Amino acid sequence: MDRMARTPASGTSTRDRLLRAAEEQFATRGVHGAQLRDIVAQAGQANPSAVQYHFGSREGLLAQLLAERQRRVEDALTALGVDVDTATLPQLLRALIAAEGGELRTERGRHCLRITAQLSHDSGVRTRTPHPGLTGTGYWRLICALERPLTALPTPLPEPVRLERIDLALSLIGTALAERARQLTSGEPPLTEEPAFLADLAAVSAAMLTTPHPHS
């Protein structure tokens, strides 16, 4: 059946159907490439202004989608119970990747991983100003805590290098999880099992963050 012609599940609200359609469209066609008319059609709506009615705008729809995703990640972090003030760099990275990696286990989570990978540089790490959706979250506290171990290295990294590396590490993690999500969605067999993949991603990220700076 044509993906665009699917009948939305009964018993769900128009708002939820629009969100689910947006997750798929933004994931597969890009945050900037997806068309609102296709989202509305996939959600089974005849009114072309459905997105504006329920979310105010395309940006409002994306913001709500990301807010729901962030709540799931926050819940996962809370369940892990990591003390970000005392955790080591490997512990912080494993917690971050475990919370994000939980999204691989559902279709909507996989879509959202592919979406957030497109927005990884919007976190606010480079300016120390969190994206509005991250303000006050445990996720942001964990990201900020990644810098602490980098100041305790035998040769501490300069502040600009620390911030740039953390931003790059988040991009690496987001891109790796998004590609894994794409593989699972398309039915491609991954090269490694999920636990090994997540553990290796944490190890590679730690190595990238702590390698000596070439100009130090």
N, C-alpha and C. Protein backbone atom coordinates (compact mmCIF):
# COMPACT_ATOMS: atom_id res chain seq x y z
N MET A 1 0.84 -1.19 0.00
CA MET A 1 0.00 0.00 0.00
C MET A 1 0.88 1.24 0.00
N ASP A 2 0.48 2.29 -0.74
CA ASP A 2 1.21 3.54 -0.75
C ASP A 2 1.27 4.09 0.67
N ARG A 3 2.49 4.48 1.11
CA ARG A 3 2.66 4.97 2.47
C ARG A 3 1.79 6.19 2.72
N MET A 4 1.66 7.05 1.70
CA MET A 4 0.89 8.27 1.88
C MET A 4 -0.60 7.99 1.95
N ALA A 5 -1.04 6.84 1.50
CA ALA A 5 -2.47 6.55 1.44
C ALA A 5 -2.94 5.69 2.60
N ARG A 6 -2.08 5.44 3.56
CA ARG A 6 -2.46 4.58 4.66
C ARG A 6 -3.59 5.17 5.46
N THR A 7 -4.43 4.32 5.95
CA THR A 7 -5.51 4.76 6.82
C THR A 7 -4.99 4.86 8.24
N PRO A 8 -5.11 6.04 8.89
CA PRO A 8 -4.60 6.16 10.25
C PRO A 8 -5.37 5.28 11.21
N ALA A 9 -4.69 4.88 12.27
CA ALA A 9 -5.30 3.99 13.25
C ALA A 9 -6.53 4.64 13.87
N SER A 10 -7.58 3.86 14.03
CA SER A 10 -8.78 4.37 14.65
C SER A 10 -8.55 4.50 16.15
N GLY A 11 -9.35 5.35 16.77
CA GLY A 11 -9.26 5.49 18.21
C GLY A 11 -8.18 6.44 18.67
N THR A 12 -7.44 7.11 17.75
CA THR A 12 -6.44 8.08 18.12
C THR A 12 -6.92 9.47 17.70
N SER A 13 -6.47 10.47 18.42
CA SER A 13 -6.92 11.83 18.13
C SER A 13 -6.24 12.36 16.87
N THR A 14 -6.84 13.38 16.30
CA THR A 14 -6.25 14.02 15.13
C THR A 14 -4.86 14.55 15.47
N ARG A 15 -4.72 15.12 16.64
CA ARG A 15 -3.42 15.66 17.07
C ARG A 15 -2.37 14.55 17.10
N ASP A 16 -2.71 13.40 17.66
CA ASP A 16 -1.76 12.29 17.72
C ASP A 16 -1.43 11.76 16.33
N ARG A 17 -2.44 11.69 15.47
CA ARG A 17 -2.18 11.20 14.11
C ARG A 17 -1.25 12.14 13.36
N LEU A 18 -1.41 13.43 13.57
CA LEU A 18 -0.52 14.40 12.93
C LEU A 18 0.91 14.25 13.45
N LEU A 19 1.04 14.04 14.75
CA LEU A 19 2.37 13.85 15.32
C LEU A 19 3.05 12.60 14.77
N ARG A 20 2.31 11.49 14.71
CA ARG A 20 2.90 10.25 14.21
C ARG A 20 3.29 10.39 12.74
N ALA A 21 2.42 11.06 11.96
CA ALA A 21 2.74 11.26 10.54
C ALA A 21 3.96 12.17 10.41
N ALA A 22 4.04 13.20 11.24
CA ALA A 22 5.18 14.13 11.17
C ALA A 22 6.48 13.42 11.52
N GLU A 23 6.45 12.53 12.52
CA GLU A 23 7.64 11.79 12.89
C GLU A 23 8.19 11.04 11.68
N GLU A 24 7.31 10.36 10.97
CA GLU A 24 7.78 9.58 9.81
C GLU A 24 8.24 10.48 8.68
N GLN A 25 7.47 11.52 8.39
CA GLN A 25 7.83 12.40 7.29
C GLN A 25 9.13 13.16 7.55
N PHE A 26 9.29 13.70 8.76
CA PHE A 26 10.52 14.42 9.09
C PHE A 26 11.72 13.48 9.08
N ALA A 27 11.51 12.23 9.51
CA ALA A 27 12.60 11.26 9.55
C ALA A 27 13.04 10.86 8.16
N THR A 28 12.09 10.57 7.29
CA THR A 28 12.42 10.01 5.98
C THR A 28 12.69 11.07 4.91
N ARG A 29 12.05 12.23 5.05
CA ARG A 29 12.21 13.26 4.01
C ARG A 29 12.99 14.48 4.49
N GLY A 30 13.32 14.49 5.76
CA GLY A 30 14.11 15.59 6.30
C GLY A 30 13.24 16.62 6.99
N VAL A 31 13.79 17.23 8.02
CA VAL A 31 13.06 18.25 8.77
C VAL A 31 12.67 19.40 7.85
N HIS A 32 13.55 19.74 6.93
CA HIS A 32 13.26 20.85 6.03
C HIS A 32 12.67 20.40 4.70
N GLY A 33 12.73 19.10 4.42
CA GLY A 33 12.22 18.62 3.15
C GLY A 33 10.79 18.12 3.19
N ALA A 34 10.34 17.69 4.35
CA ALA A 34 8.97 17.18 4.46
C ALA A 34 7.96 18.28 4.21
N GLN A 35 6.85 17.92 3.56
CA GLN A 35 5.81 18.88 3.23
C GLN A 35 4.63 18.72 4.18
N LEU A 36 4.09 19.83 4.65
CA LEU A 36 2.94 19.77 5.55
C LEU A 36 1.75 19.08 4.90
N ARG A 37 1.57 19.27 3.61
CA ARG A 37 0.43 18.64 2.95
C ARG A 37 0.54 17.11 3.00
N ASP A 38 1.79 16.59 2.95
CA ASP A 38 1.97 15.15 3.03
C ASP A 38 1.71 14.65 4.46
N ILE A 39 2.11 15.43 5.44
CA ILE A 39 1.84 15.07 6.83
C ILE A 39 0.34 15.03 7.08
N VAL A 40 -0.36 16.05 6.61
CA VAL A 40 -1.82 16.12 6.78
C VAL A 40 -2.49 14.96 6.07
N ALA A 41 -2.04 14.65 4.85
CA ALA A 41 -2.65 13.55 4.11
C ALA A 41 -2.39 12.21 4.79
N GLN A 42 -1.17 11.99 5.26
CA GLN A 42 -0.86 10.72 5.92
C GLN A 42 -1.65 10.56 7.21
N ALA A 43 -1.96 11.68 7.84
CA ALA A 43 -2.76 11.64 9.07
C ALA A 43 -4.24 11.45 8.79
N GLY A 44 -4.61 11.38 7.49
CA GLY A 44 -6.00 11.15 7.13
C GLY A 44 -6.89 12.36 7.28
N GLN A 45 -6.30 13.55 7.16
CA GLN A 45 -7.07 14.78 7.33
C GLN A 45 -7.35 15.44 6.00
N ALA A 46 -8.55 15.94 5.85
CA ALA A 46 -8.93 16.63 4.61
C ALA A 46 -8.63 18.12 4.70
N ASN A 47 -8.57 18.65 5.90
CA ASN A 47 -8.34 20.09 6.09
C ASN A 47 -6.86 20.41 5.98
N PRO A 48 -6.43 21.16 4.97
CA PRO A 48 -5.01 21.45 4.80
C PRO A 48 -4.43 22.31 5.92
N SER A 49 -5.30 22.92 6.73
CA SER A 49 -4.83 23.77 7.83
C SER A 49 -4.79 23.02 9.16
N ALA A 50 -4.84 21.68 9.12
CA ALA A 50 -4.91 20.90 10.36
C ALA A 50 -3.70 21.14 11.25
N VAL A 51 -2.51 21.24 10.66
CA VAL A 51 -1.31 21.47 11.46
C VAL A 51 -1.39 22.82 12.16
N GLN A 52 -1.79 23.85 11.41
CA GLN A 52 -1.90 25.18 12.02
C GLN A 52 -2.94 25.18 13.12
N TYR A 53 -4.03 24.47 12.93
CA TYR A 53 -5.10 24.45 13.93
C TYR A 53 -4.62 23.81 15.24
N HIS A 54 -3.91 22.70 15.13
CA HIS A 54 -3.53 21.95 16.34
C HIS A 54 -2.20 22.40 16.94
N PHE A 55 -1.28 22.93 16.11
CA PHE A 55 0.07 23.24 16.61
C PHE A 55 0.52 24.66 16.34
N GLY A 56 -0.26 25.40 15.60
CA GLY A 56 0.08 26.79 15.32
C GLY A 56 0.94 26.98 14.09
N SER A 57 1.86 26.06 13.86
CA SER A 57 2.80 26.20 12.74
C SER A 57 3.59 24.91 12.58
N ARG A 58 4.36 24.85 11.53
CA ARG A 58 5.28 23.73 11.32
C ARG A 58 6.26 23.65 12.49
N GLU A 59 6.77 24.81 12.93
CA GLU A 59 7.72 24.84 14.04
C GLU A 59 7.07 24.34 15.33
N GLY A 60 5.79 24.67 15.51
CA GLY A 60 5.08 24.20 16.69
C GLY A 60 4.90 22.70 16.69
N LEU A 61 4.65 22.14 15.52
CA LEU A 61 4.52 20.69 15.37
C LEU A 61 5.84 20.01 15.70
N LEU A 62 6.94 20.52 15.16
CA LEU A 62 8.25 19.94 15.43
C LEU A 62 8.60 20.07 16.91
N ALA A 63 8.29 21.22 17.50
CA ALA A 63 8.59 21.43 18.92
C ALA A 63 7.85 20.43 19.80
N GLN A 64 6.58 20.16 19.47
CA GLN A 64 5.81 19.20 20.27
C GLN A 64 6.36 17.79 20.11
N LEU A 65 6.73 17.45 18.90
CA LEU A 65 7.32 16.14 18.63
C LEU A 65 8.61 15.96 19.45
N LEU A 66 9.46 16.99 19.45
CA LEU A 66 10.72 16.91 20.19
C LEU A 66 10.49 16.90 21.69
N ALA A 67 9.46 17.61 22.15
CA ALA A 67 9.15 17.63 23.58
C ALA A 67 8.74 16.24 24.07
N GLU A 68 7.93 15.54 23.27
CA GLU A 68 7.52 14.19 23.65
C GLU A 68 8.73 13.26 23.68
N ARG A 69 9.59 13.40 22.72
CA ARG A 69 10.79 12.58 22.66
C ARG A 69 11.69 12.87 23.87
N GLN A 70 11.82 14.16 24.22
CA GLN A 70 12.68 14.51 25.35
C GLN A 70 12.14 13.95 26.65
N ARG A 71 10.81 13.91 26.80
CA ARG A 71 10.23 13.33 28.02
C ARG A 71 10.60 11.86 28.15
N ARG A 72 10.60 11.15 27.05
CA ARG A 72 10.96 9.73 27.10
C ARG A 72 12.41 9.55 27.52
N VAL A 73 13.29 10.39 26.97
CA VAL A 73 14.71 10.30 27.31
C VAL A 73 14.93 10.69 28.78
N GLU A 74 14.22 11.71 29.24
CA GLU A 74 14.32 12.13 30.64
C GLU A 74 13.91 10.99 31.57
N ASP A 75 12.82 10.32 31.22
CA ASP A 75 12.37 9.19 32.03
C ASP A 75 13.43 8.09 32.06
N ALA A 76 14.06 7.84 30.92
CA ALA A 76 15.10 6.81 30.86
C ALA A 76 16.30 7.19 31.71
N LEU A 77 16.69 8.46 31.67
CA LEU A 77 17.82 8.91 32.49
C LEU A 77 17.50 8.79 33.98
N THR A 78 16.28 9.17 34.34
CA THR A 78 15.88 9.07 35.75
C THR A 78 15.95 7.63 36.23
N ALA A 79 15.49 6.71 35.38
CA ALA A 79 15.51 5.29 35.74
C ALA A 79 16.93 4.78 35.92
N LEU A 80 17.88 5.33 35.19
CA LEU A 80 19.27 4.88 35.31
C LEU A 80 19.90 5.35 36.63
N GLY A 81 19.44 6.46 37.17
CA GLY A 81 19.88 6.91 38.48
C GLY A 81 21.34 7.32 38.56
N VAL A 82 21.88 7.88 37.50
CA VAL A 82 23.29 8.29 37.51
C VAL A 82 23.43 9.65 38.19
N ASP A 83 24.37 9.77 39.11
CA ASP A 83 24.68 11.04 39.76
C ASP A 83 25.66 11.80 38.88
N VAL A 84 25.17 12.78 38.15
CA VAL A 84 26.02 13.46 37.17
C VAL A 84 27.12 14.27 37.83
N ASP A 85 26.99 14.57 39.11
CA ASP A 85 28.01 15.37 39.80
C ASP A 85 29.24 14.55 40.19
N THR A 86 29.09 13.24 40.25
CA THR A 86 30.21 12.40 40.66
C THR A 86 30.59 11.34 39.63
N ALA A 87 29.76 11.13 38.63
CA ALA A 87 30.00 10.07 37.64
C ALA A 87 31.26 10.35 36.83
N THR A 88 31.94 9.30 36.43
CA THR A 88 33.10 9.42 35.55
C THR A 88 32.63 9.67 34.12
N LEU A 89 33.57 10.03 33.27
CA LEU A 89 33.23 10.27 31.87
C LEU A 89 32.62 9.02 31.22
N PRO A 90 33.22 7.82 31.38
CA PRO A 90 32.57 6.64 30.79
C PRO A 90 31.16 6.41 31.33
N GLN A 91 30.96 6.64 32.62
CA GLN A 91 29.62 6.46 33.20
C GLN A 91 28.61 7.45 32.61
N LEU A 92 29.04 8.69 32.45
CA LEU A 92 28.16 9.70 31.86
C LEU A 92 27.79 9.34 30.43
N LEU A 93 28.78 8.93 29.66
CA LEU A 93 28.52 8.59 28.26
C LEU A 93 27.64 7.36 28.13
N ARG A 94 27.89 6.36 28.98
CA ARG A 94 27.06 5.16 28.92
C ARG A 94 25.60 5.49 29.27
N ALA A 95 25.41 6.38 30.25
CA ALA A 95 24.05 6.76 30.62
C ALA A 95 23.38 7.53 29.50
N LEU A 96 24.09 8.47 28.92
CA LEU A 96 23.54 9.26 27.81
C LEU A 96 23.14 8.37 26.65
N ILE A 97 24.04 7.45 26.27
CA ILE A 97 23.79 6.60 25.12
C ILE A 97 22.73 5.55 25.42
N ALA A 98 22.68 5.06 26.65
CA ALA A 98 21.62 4.11 27.01
C ALA A 98 20.25 4.76 26.94
N ALA A 99 20.14 6.00 27.44
CA ALA A 99 18.87 6.71 27.41
C ALA A 99 18.44 6.99 25.97
N GLU A 100 19.38 7.45 25.16
CA GLU A 100 19.07 7.71 23.75
C GLU A 100 18.81 6.41 23.00
N GLY A 101 19.62 5.38 23.32
CA GLY A 101 19.50 4.11 22.61
C GLY A 101 18.19 3.41 22.85
N GLY A 102 17.52 3.72 23.95
CA GLY A 102 16.21 3.13 24.19
C GLY A 102 15.21 3.47 23.10
N GLU A 103 15.45 4.57 22.39
CA GLU A 103 14.57 4.98 21.30
C GLU A 103 14.64 4.02 20.11
N LEU A 104 15.69 3.21 20.05
CA LEU A 104 15.82 2.26 18.95
C LEU A 104 14.76 1.16 19.00
N ARG A 105 14.12 1.00 20.15
CA ARG A 105 13.24 -0.16 20.34
C ARG A 105 11.80 0.07 19.91
N THR A 106 11.47 1.27 19.48
CA THR A 106 10.12 1.53 18.98
C THR A 106 10.20 2.24 17.64
N GLU A 107 9.16 2.10 16.85
CA GLU A 107 9.15 2.75 15.54
C GLU A 107 9.22 4.26 15.69
N ARG A 108 8.42 4.82 16.56
CA ARG A 108 8.43 6.28 16.70
C ARG A 108 9.76 6.75 17.28
N GLY A 109 10.36 5.97 18.17
CA GLY A 109 11.67 6.33 18.68
C GLY A 109 12.72 6.34 17.59
N ARG A 110 12.66 5.36 16.71
CA ARG A 110 13.62 5.32 15.60
C ARG A 110 13.43 6.52 14.68
N HIS A 111 12.18 6.89 14.41
CA HIS A 111 11.94 8.09 13.61
C HIS A 111 12.56 9.31 14.30
N CYS A 112 12.34 9.42 15.60
CA CYS A 112 12.81 10.60 16.33
C CYS A 112 14.33 10.68 16.37
N LEU A 113 15.00 9.56 16.45
CA LEU A 113 16.46 9.57 16.39
C LEU A 113 16.95 10.13 15.06
N ARG A 114 16.26 9.79 14.00
CA ARG A 114 16.65 10.30 12.69
C ARG A 114 16.36 11.79 12.56
N ILE A 115 15.37 12.26 13.28
CA ILE A 115 15.05 13.69 13.28
C ILE A 115 16.07 14.48 14.08
N THR A 116 16.33 14.04 15.31
CA THR A 116 17.21 14.82 16.18
C THR A 116 18.66 14.83 15.68
N ALA A 117 19.05 13.82 14.91
CA ALA A 117 20.39 13.84 14.33
C ALA A 117 20.56 15.01 13.37
N GLN A 118 19.47 15.44 12.77
CA GLN A 118 19.51 16.59 11.87
C GLN A 118 19.64 17.91 12.62
N LEU A 119 19.40 17.86 13.93
CA LEU A 119 19.36 19.09 14.73
C LEU A 119 20.42 19.09 15.82
N SER A 120 21.40 18.21 15.73
CA SER A 120 22.33 18.00 16.85
C SER A 120 23.10 19.26 17.22
N HIS A 121 23.38 20.13 16.25
CA HIS A 121 24.16 21.33 16.56
C HIS A 121 23.30 22.44 17.17
N ASP A 122 22.02 22.17 17.39
CA ASP A 122 21.14 23.16 18.00
C ASP A 122 21.06 23.01 19.51
N SER A 123 21.87 22.14 20.10
CA SER A 123 21.76 21.88 21.54
C SER A 123 22.14 23.10 22.37
N GLY A 124 23.07 23.90 21.90
CA GLY A 124 23.52 25.07 22.65
C GLY A 124 24.81 24.87 23.40
N VAL A 125 25.48 23.74 23.19
CA VAL A 125 26.72 23.44 23.90
C VAL A 125 27.78 24.49 23.65
N ARG A 126 27.94 24.89 22.43
CA ARG A 126 29.04 25.80 22.08
C ARG A 126 28.93 27.16 22.78
N THR A 127 27.71 27.59 23.07
CA THR A 127 27.51 28.88 23.72
C THR A 127 27.10 28.74 25.18
N ARG A 128 27.02 27.50 25.66
CA ARG A 128 26.57 27.22 27.03
C ARG A 128 25.13 27.71 27.28
N THR A 129 24.38 27.85 26.23
CA THR A 129 22.98 28.28 26.35
C THR A 129 22.10 27.18 25.79
N PRO A 130 21.40 26.44 26.66
CA PRO A 130 20.64 25.29 26.16
C PRO A 130 19.51 25.69 25.22
N HIS A 131 19.28 24.83 24.26
CA HIS A 131 18.07 24.96 23.45
C HIS A 131 16.88 25.02 24.40
N PRO A 132 15.85 25.83 24.09
CA PRO A 132 14.70 25.94 25.01
C PRO A 132 14.13 24.60 25.44
N GLY A 133 14.15 23.62 24.56
CA GLY A 133 13.61 22.31 24.91
C GLY A 133 14.47 21.54 25.89
N LEU A 134 15.71 21.99 26.11
CA LEU A 134 16.62 21.30 27.03
C LEU A 134 16.80 22.05 28.35
N THR A 135 16.27 23.26 28.44
CA THR A 135 16.44 24.06 29.65
C THR A 135 15.89 23.35 30.87
N GLY A 136 16.72 23.23 31.90
CA GLY A 136 16.28 22.63 33.15
C GLY A 136 16.15 21.12 33.15
N THR A 137 16.60 20.46 32.11
CA THR A 137 16.45 19.00 32.02
C THR A 137 17.67 18.29 32.59
N GLY A 138 17.45 17.04 32.99
CA GLY A 138 18.56 16.20 33.41
C GLY A 138 19.51 15.93 32.26
N TYR A 139 18.98 15.88 31.06
CA TYR A 139 19.79 15.66 29.86
C TYR A 139 20.82 16.77 29.71
N TRP A 140 20.39 18.04 29.91
CA TRP A 140 21.32 19.15 29.79
C TRP A 140 22.36 19.11 30.90
N ARG A 141 21.94 18.77 32.11
CA ARG A 141 22.89 18.65 33.22
C ARG A 141 23.94 17.59 32.90
N LEU A 142 23.53 16.49 32.30
CA LEU A 142 24.48 15.44 31.95
C LEU A 142 25.45 15.94 30.89
N ILE A 143 24.93 16.64 29.89
CA ILE A 143 25.81 17.17 28.84
C ILE A 143 26.84 18.11 29.44
N CYS A 144 26.39 19.00 30.32
CA CYS A 144 27.32 19.94 30.96
C CYS A 144 28.36 19.20 31.80
N ALA A 145 27.96 18.10 32.43
CA ALA A 145 28.88 17.33 33.27
C ALA A 145 29.98 16.67 32.46
N LEU A 146 29.79 16.51 31.16
CA LEU A 146 30.84 15.91 30.34
C LEU A 146 32.11 16.75 30.33
N GLU A 147 31.97 18.04 30.60
CA GLU A 147 33.14 18.91 30.55
C GLU A 147 34.05 18.71 31.76
N ARG A 148 33.48 18.37 32.91
CA ARG A 148 34.26 18.27 34.14
C ARG A 148 35.46 17.33 34.00
N PRO A 149 35.29 16.10 33.51
CA PRO A 149 36.46 15.21 33.39
C PRO A 149 37.51 15.73 32.42
N LEU A 150 37.11 16.57 31.47
CA LEU A 150 38.06 17.08 30.49
C LEU A 150 38.98 18.14 31.09
N THR A 151 38.54 18.74 32.20
CA THR A 151 39.41 19.72 32.87
C THR A 151 40.41 19.03 33.80
N ALA A 152 40.20 17.74 34.04
CA ALA A 152 41.08 16.98 34.95
C ALA A 152 42.05 16.08 34.21
N LEU A 153 42.15 16.21 32.91
CA LEU A 153 43.10 15.41 32.14
C LEU A 153 44.53 15.83 32.49
N PRO A 154 45.52 14.95 32.29
CA PRO A 154 46.92 15.32 32.58
C PRO A 154 47.31 16.64 31.91
N THR A 155 46.84 16.83 30.68
CA THR A 155 47.00 18.12 30.02
C THR A 155 45.60 18.63 29.73
N PRO A 156 45.06 19.48 30.60
CA PRO A 156 43.67 19.93 30.43
C PRO A 156 43.45 20.59 29.08
N LEU A 157 42.30 20.35 28.50
CA LEU A 157 41.97 20.93 27.21
C LEU A 157 41.49 22.37 27.41
N PRO A 158 41.87 23.27 26.51
CA PRO A 158 41.36 24.64 26.58
C PRO A 158 39.83 24.65 26.45
N GLU A 159 39.20 25.65 27.02
CA GLU A 159 37.73 25.71 27.02
C GLU A 159 37.13 25.60 25.62
N PRO A 160 37.61 26.36 24.62
CA PRO A 160 37.00 26.22 23.29
C PRO A 160 37.08 24.80 22.74
N VAL A 161 38.20 24.13 23.01
CA VAL A 161 38.37 22.76 22.55
C VAL A 161 37.40 21.83 23.28
N ARG A 162 37.24 22.03 24.58
CA ARG A 162 36.31 21.20 25.35
C ARG A 162 34.90 21.31 24.79
N LEU A 163 34.45 22.53 24.58
CA LEU A 163 33.08 22.74 24.11
C LEU A 163 32.90 22.18 22.69
N GLU A 164 33.90 22.40 21.86
CA GLU A 164 33.80 21.89 20.49
C GLU A 164 33.78 20.37 20.46
N ARG A 165 34.59 19.75 21.31
CA ARG A 165 34.63 18.28 21.33
C ARG A 165 33.31 17.70 21.84
N ILE A 166 32.74 18.31 22.87
CA ILE A 166 31.47 17.81 23.38
C ILE A 166 30.40 17.93 22.31
N ASP A 167 30.39 19.04 21.59
CA ASP A 167 29.43 19.22 20.51
C ASP A 167 29.63 18.17 19.42
N LEU A 168 30.89 17.91 19.08
CA LEU A 168 31.19 16.90 18.07
C LEU A 168 30.82 15.50 18.55
N ALA A 169 31.05 15.23 19.83
CA ALA A 169 30.69 13.92 20.38
C ALA A 169 29.19 13.71 20.32
N LEU A 170 28.41 14.74 20.63
CA LEU A 170 26.96 14.62 20.55
C LEU A 170 26.51 14.38 19.11
N SER A 171 27.19 15.03 18.18
CA SER A 171 26.86 14.80 16.76
C SER A 171 27.19 13.38 16.35
N LEU A 172 28.35 12.88 16.80
CA LEU A 172 28.74 11.49 16.50
C LEU A 172 27.70 10.52 17.05
N ILE A 173 27.32 10.70 18.31
CA ILE A 173 26.35 9.81 18.93
C ILE A 173 25.01 9.89 18.20
N GLY A 174 24.56 11.10 17.91
CA GLY A 174 23.28 11.26 17.22
C GLY A 174 23.29 10.65 15.83
N THR A 175 24.39 10.85 15.10
CA THR A 175 24.47 10.30 13.74
C THR A 175 24.53 8.78 13.77
N ALA A 176 25.30 8.22 14.71
CA ALA A 176 25.42 6.76 14.81
C ALA A 176 24.07 6.13 15.16
N LEU A 177 23.36 6.71 16.11
CA LEU A 177 22.05 6.17 16.49
C LEU A 177 21.04 6.33 15.37
N ALA A 178 21.11 7.44 14.65
CA ALA A 178 20.19 7.66 13.54
C ALA A 178 20.41 6.64 12.42
N GLU A 179 21.68 6.34 12.15
CA GLU A 179 21.96 5.34 11.12
C GLU A 179 21.51 3.95 11.55
N ARG A 180 21.71 3.66 12.83
CA ARG A 180 21.22 2.38 13.35
C ARG A 180 19.70 2.32 13.23
N ALA A 181 19.03 3.42 13.53
CA ALA A 181 17.58 3.48 13.41
C ALA A 181 17.14 3.27 11.97
N ARG A 182 17.87 3.88 11.04
CA ARG A 182 17.54 3.69 9.63
C ARG A 182 17.68 2.24 9.21
N GLN A 183 18.75 1.60 9.66
CA GLN A 183 18.96 0.19 9.33
C GLN A 183 17.81 -0.67 9.85
N LEU A 184 17.42 -0.44 11.09
CA LEU A 184 16.35 -1.24 11.68
C LEU A 184 15.03 -1.00 10.96
N THR A 185 14.75 0.24 10.59
CA THR A 185 13.51 0.57 9.91
C THR A 185 13.45 -0.06 8.53
N SER A 186 14.59 -0.08 7.84
CA SER A 186 14.62 -0.62 6.48
C SER A 186 14.83 -2.13 6.43
N GLY A 187 15.08 -2.74 7.59
CA GLY A 187 15.27 -4.19 7.62
C GLY A 187 16.68 -4.64 7.32
N GLU A 188 17.64 -3.71 7.30
CA GLU A 188 19.03 -4.09 7.08
C GLU A 188 19.59 -4.74 8.35
N PRO A 189 20.29 -5.85 8.21
CA PRO A 189 20.86 -6.49 9.41
C PRO A 189 22.04 -5.69 9.93
N PRO A 190 22.02 -5.24 11.19
CA PRO A 190 23.17 -4.52 11.75
C PRO A 190 24.39 -5.43 11.86
N LEU A 191 25.56 -4.83 11.88
CA LEU A 191 26.79 -5.61 11.97
C LEU A 191 27.00 -6.17 13.37
N THR A 192 26.49 -5.49 14.40
CA THR A 192 26.69 -5.92 15.78
C THR A 192 25.36 -5.90 16.52
N GLU A 193 25.30 -6.64 17.62
CA GLU A 193 24.11 -6.62 18.47
C GLU A 193 24.05 -5.29 19.22
N GLU A 194 22.85 -4.93 19.64
CA GLU A 194 22.64 -3.61 20.24
C GLU A 194 23.54 -3.33 21.44
N PRO A 195 23.67 -4.24 22.42
CA PRO A 195 24.53 -3.93 23.57
C PRO A 195 25.97 -3.62 23.17
N ALA A 196 26.51 -4.41 22.23
CA ALA A 196 27.88 -4.18 21.77
C ALA A 196 27.99 -2.86 21.03
N PHE A 197 27.00 -2.55 20.23
CA PHE A 197 26.98 -1.29 19.47
C PHE A 197 26.99 -0.09 20.42
N LEU A 198 26.12 -0.10 21.43
CA LEU A 198 26.02 1.02 22.36
C LEU A 198 27.29 1.16 23.20
N ALA A 199 27.84 0.02 23.63
CA ALA A 199 29.06 0.07 24.43
C ALA A 199 30.23 0.61 23.61
N ASP A 200 30.32 0.19 22.36
CA ASP A 200 31.40 0.67 21.50
C ASP A 200 31.24 2.15 21.20
N LEU A 201 30.01 2.59 21.01
CA LEU A 201 29.76 4.01 20.75
C LEU A 201 30.21 4.86 21.94
N ALA A 202 29.95 4.38 23.15
CA ALA A 202 30.40 5.09 24.35
C ALA A 202 31.93 5.13 24.42
N ALA A 203 32.57 4.02 24.10
CA ALA A 203 34.04 3.96 24.16
C ALA A 203 34.67 4.87 23.12
N VAL A 204 34.14 4.86 21.91
CA VAL A 204 34.67 5.72 20.85
C VAL A 204 34.47 7.19 21.21
N SER A 205 33.32 7.52 21.78
CA SER A 205 33.05 8.91 22.18
C SER A 205 34.02 9.36 23.27
N ALA A 206 34.29 8.49 24.24
CA ALA A 206 35.23 8.82 25.31
C ALA A 206 36.62 9.04 24.75
N ALA A 207 37.02 8.20 23.81
CA ALA A 207 38.35 8.34 23.21
C ALA A 207 38.47 9.66 22.45
N MET A 208 37.42 10.03 21.74
CA MET A 208 37.43 11.28 20.99
C MET A 208 37.53 12.48 21.92
N LEU A 209 36.82 12.41 23.05
CA LEU A 209 36.81 13.53 23.99
C LEU A 209 38.14 13.70 24.71
N THR A 210 38.84 12.62 24.98
CA THR A 210 40.02 12.69 25.84
C THR A 210 41.35 12.60 25.13
N THR A 211 41.36 12.42 23.83
CA THR A 211 42.64 12.33 23.14
C THR A 211 43.39 13.65 23.26
N PRO A 212 44.73 13.62 23.41
CA PRO A 212 45.48 14.87 23.58
C PRO A 212 45.29 15.82 22.40
N HIS A 213 45.22 17.09 22.72
CA HIS A 213 45.06 18.09 21.67
C HIS A 213 46.38 18.22 20.91
N PRO A 214 46.36 18.24 19.58
CA PRO A 214 47.62 18.26 18.80
C PRO A 214 48.46 19.50 19.02
N HIS A 215 47.86 20.59 19.48
CA HIS A 215 48.62 21.83 19.64
C HIS A 215 48.89 22.17 21.10
N SER A 216 48.66 21.17 21.98
CA SER A 216 48.90 21.45 23.41
C SER A 216 50.39 21.27 23.74
